Amino acid sequence: MRFSAVLLAGGKSSRMGRDKVLLEIEGEPLWRRQLATLRGLLPEQIMISGPPRDGCEVVEDEVAGAGPLAGMAAALKNCRSPLLIVLAVDLPAMTTDFLQSLVALCRDGKGVVPRGAEFFEPLAAVYPAACAGLATAALQRAEFSMQNFVRAAMEQELLVPRTILPSEMSLFANLNTPADL
């Protein structure tokens, strides 16, 4: 199955107090660690939403200050494949194997989004390129919620949920504050 990938690495890191992409996990900057996770999937194209890193194609946010939806919308517009894997820089426990399992579930032009007990996990998911218009429209309406975006994509039958198993919950532990380190 053909797919591209984007690393969302353009956030403000205001709660962390310093740039998250430069945090080191096991001696490696977070951005480099996450790019290695994506490269392990062998995508046709790797993009980064944020400052240029390691020769990756950079996509500029559609709307400044609009959060991850802006970076994802830009990546969807520039995606050269039918599917786009989205990975946030602040999910250091995410694995290539888990992301590959999501790709394997994609059928009939639909993407797959992990779902926990209460919320979706939209920043480690697979979206069809057909979501580009939906993302752009949400930005134009200043509706930046990823949860709402996922619900809208599901209503249009562009995404299907995949329940997160209890043993997989740790993959979604993100780094938002110094206490999370």
Protein backbone atom coordinates (compact mmCIF):
# COMPACT_ATOMS: atom_id res chain seq x y z
CA MET A 1 0.00 0.00 0.00
CA ARG A 2 1.35 3.43 -0.97
CA PHE A 3 1.64 6.08 1.73
CA SER A 4 3.49 9.23 2.72
CA ALA A 5 4.31 10.45 6.22
CA VAL A 6 4.48 13.74 8.09
CA LEU A 7 6.14 14.58 11.39
CA LEU A 8 4.24 17.33 13.19
CA ALA A 9 7.01 19.30 14.88
CA GLY A 10 5.94 22.91 14.74
CA GLY A 11 4.23 23.52 18.06
CA LYS A 12 5.04 26.32 20.49
CA SER A 13 6.00 24.01 23.39
CA SER A 14 4.70 26.66 25.80
CA ARG A 15 3.81 24.20 28.59
CA MET A 16 7.20 22.50 28.26
CA GLY A 17 9.04 25.81 28.54
CA ARG A 18 11.49 24.87 25.78
CA ASP A 19 11.37 23.45 22.28
CA LYS A 20 10.15 19.85 22.51
CA VAL A 21 11.76 18.81 19.25
CA LEU A 22 15.19 19.32 20.83
CA LEU A 23 14.48 17.25 23.94
CA GLU A 24 16.67 14.17 24.11
CA ILE A 25 15.35 10.68 24.73
CA GLU A 26 18.08 8.10 25.25
CA GLY A 27 20.64 10.61 23.94
CA GLU A 28 18.79 11.38 20.71
CA PRO A 29 16.82 14.54 19.87
CA LEU A 30 13.11 13.84 19.79
CA TRP A 31 12.72 15.01 16.18
CA ARG A 32 15.41 12.60 14.99
CA ARG A 33 13.91 9.71 16.96
CA GLN A 34 10.47 10.30 15.45
CA LEU A 35 11.87 10.63 11.93
CA ALA A 36 13.59 7.26 12.39
CA THR A 37 10.23 5.77 13.40
CA LEU A 38 8.65 7.13 10.21
CA ARG A 39 11.58 6.11 8.00
CA GLY A 40 11.25 2.57 9.31
CA LEU A 41 7.86 2.43 7.57
CA LEU A 42 9.49 3.10 4.17
CA PRO A 43 7.04 5.80 3.05
CA GLU A 44 7.18 7.22 -0.47
CA GLN A 45 7.59 10.71 0.96
CA ILE A 46 8.46 12.17 4.37
CA MET A 47 7.44 15.69 5.25
CA ILE A 48 7.93 17.76 8.37
CA SER A 49 5.62 20.47 9.62
CA GLY A 50 7.99 22.75 11.48
CA PRO A 51 11.56 23.97 11.05
CA PRO A 52 13.68 22.19 8.41
CA ARG A 53 15.28 19.00 9.71
CA ASP A 54 17.53 16.38 8.18
CA GLY A 55 16.72 17.02 4.52
CA CYS A 56 12.98 16.42 4.90
CA GLU A 57 10.46 18.20 2.73
CA VAL A 58 9.05 21.07 4.82
CA VAL A 59 5.36 21.94 4.70
CA GLU A 60 4.24 25.30 6.04
CA ASP A 61 1.18 25.52 8.28
CA GLU A 62 -1.92 26.60 6.41
CA VAL A 63 -2.90 28.93 9.27
CA ALA A 64 -0.41 30.16 11.88
CA GLY A 65 -1.29 29.26 15.45
CA ALA A 66 -3.94 26.71 14.44
CA GLY A 67 -2.23 23.73 16.05
CA PRO A 68 -1.64 20.32 14.51
CA LEU A 69 -4.57 20.57 12.10
CA ALA A 70 -2.71 23.30 10.19
CA GLY A 71 0.38 21.15 9.70
CA MET A 72 -1.68 18.13 8.78
CA ALA A 73 -3.72 20.13 6.24
CA ALA A 74 -0.52 21.33 4.57
CA ALA A 75 0.85 17.78 4.46
CA LEU A 76 -2.41 16.42 3.01
CA LYS A 77 -2.27 19.04 0.25
CA ASN A 78 1.33 18.06 -0.57
CA CYS A 79 0.85 14.31 -0.17
CA ARG A 80 1.89 12.30 -3.24
CA SER A 81 0.28 9.08 -2.01
CA PRO A 82 -3.30 7.97 -1.32
CA LEU A 83 -2.58 7.78 2.44
CA LEU A 84 -0.73 9.96 4.94
CA ILE A 85 0.70 8.75 8.24
CA VAL A 86 0.66 11.55 10.80
CA LEU A 87 2.98 11.42 13.81
CA ALA A 88 3.43 14.08 16.48
CA VAL A 89 6.95 14.79 17.67
CA ASP A 90 5.91 14.49 21.33
CA LEU A 91 4.89 10.80 21.24
CA PRO A 92 8.32 9.22 21.88
CA ALA A 93 6.99 5.75 22.73
CA MET A 94 5.22 5.32 19.38
CA THR A 95 6.59 2.44 17.33
CA THR A 96 7.01 1.65 13.68
CA ASP A 97 5.19 -1.64 14.27
CA PHE A 98 2.09 0.06 15.65
CA LEU A 99 1.95 2.57 12.80
CA GLN A 100 2.44 -0.25 10.30
CA SER A 101 -0.49 -2.09 11.88
CA LEU A 102 -2.66 0.97 11.22
CA VAL A 103 -1.60 1.08 7.56
CA ALA A 104 -2.44 -2.62 7.24
CA LEU A 105 -6.02 -1.87 8.35
CA CYS A 106 -6.60 0.78 5.67
CA ARG A 107 -9.16 -0.35 3.09
CA ASP A 108 -11.21 1.22 0.31
CA GLY A 109 -9.51 4.62 0.54
CA LYS A 110 -10.24 4.98 4.25
CA GLY A 111 -7.75 5.91 6.94
CA VAL A 112 -7.52 4.56 10.47
CA VAL A 113 -7.46 6.53 13.73
CA PRO A 114 -6.74 4.96 17.14
CA ARG A 115 -9.49 5.42 19.71
CA GLY A 116 -9.06 5.30 23.47
CA ALA A 117 -11.81 4.98 26.05
CA GLU A 118 -12.80 8.65 25.75
CA PHE A 119 -10.87 10.25 22.91
CA PHE A 120 -9.32 9.62 19.53
CA GLU A 121 -5.54 9.71 19.18
CA PRO A 122 -5.38 11.69 15.93
CA LEU A 123 -1.65 12.46 16.04
CA ALA A 124 -0.54 8.88 15.41
CA ALA A 125 -2.99 7.92 12.69
CA VAL A 126 -3.39 7.30 8.96
CA TYR A 127 -5.49 9.69 6.89
CA PRO A 128 -6.57 9.39 3.27
CA ALA A 129 -5.37 12.24 1.05
CA ALA A 130 -9.08 12.81 0.41
CA CYS A 131 -9.21 14.48 3.86
CA ALA A 132 -7.35 17.52 2.46
CA GLY A 133 -10.51 19.46 1.60
CA LEU A 134 -12.11 18.68 4.95
CA ALA A 135 -9.00 19.90 6.81
CA THR A 136 -8.78 23.10 4.77
CA ALA A 137 -12.49 23.81 5.32
CA ALA A 138 -12.11 23.32 9.08
CA LEU A 139 -9.20 25.79 9.13
CA GLN A 140 -11.20 28.32 7.14
CA ARG A 141 -13.95 28.09 9.77
CA ALA A 142 -11.33 28.44 12.55
CA GLU A 143 -12.33 25.00 13.88
CA PHE A 144 -8.95 23.67 14.97
CA SER A 145 -10.03 20.74 17.16
CA MET A 146 -8.49 17.47 15.99
CA GLN A 147 -11.22 15.53 17.82
CA ASN A 148 -13.90 17.37 15.83
CA PHE A 149 -11.94 16.89 12.62
CA VAL A 150 -11.77 13.13 13.19
CA ARG A 151 -15.51 12.97 13.88
CA ALA A 152 -16.24 14.89 10.67
CA ALA A 153 -13.96 12.59 8.66
CA MET A 154 -15.71 9.56 10.14
CA GLU A 155 -19.11 11.03 9.23
CA GLN A 156 -17.89 11.33 5.64
CA GLU A 157 -16.66 7.72 5.83
CA LEU A 158 -13.03 8.74 5.31
CA LEU A 159 -11.79 7.26 8.60
CA VAL A 160 -12.50 4.19 10.68
CA PRO A 161 -11.62 3.85 14.37
CA ARG A 162 -9.28 1.24 15.77
CA THR A 163 -9.63 0.59 19.51
CA ILE A 164 -6.44 1.00 21.50
CA LEU A 165 -5.71 -2.11 23.54
CA PRO A 166 -4.75 -1.64 27.22
CA SER A 167 -1.25 -2.92 26.40
CA GLU A 168 -0.89 -0.15 23.77
CA MET A 169 -1.90 2.84 25.90
CA SER A 170 1.71 3.64 26.81
CA LEU A 171 2.47 4.31 23.13
CA PHE A 172 0.36 7.46 23.40
CA ALA A 173 2.10 8.99 26.43
CA ASN A 174 3.03 12.46 25.25
CA LEU A 175 5.46 15.07 26.48
CA ASN A 176 3.73 18.33 27.33
CA THR A 177 5.34 19.54 30.56
CA PRO A 178 8.69 18.99 32.31
CA ALA A 179 6.88 16.57 34.67
CA ASP A 180 6.27 14.27 31.67
CA LEU A 181 9.99 13.73 31.11
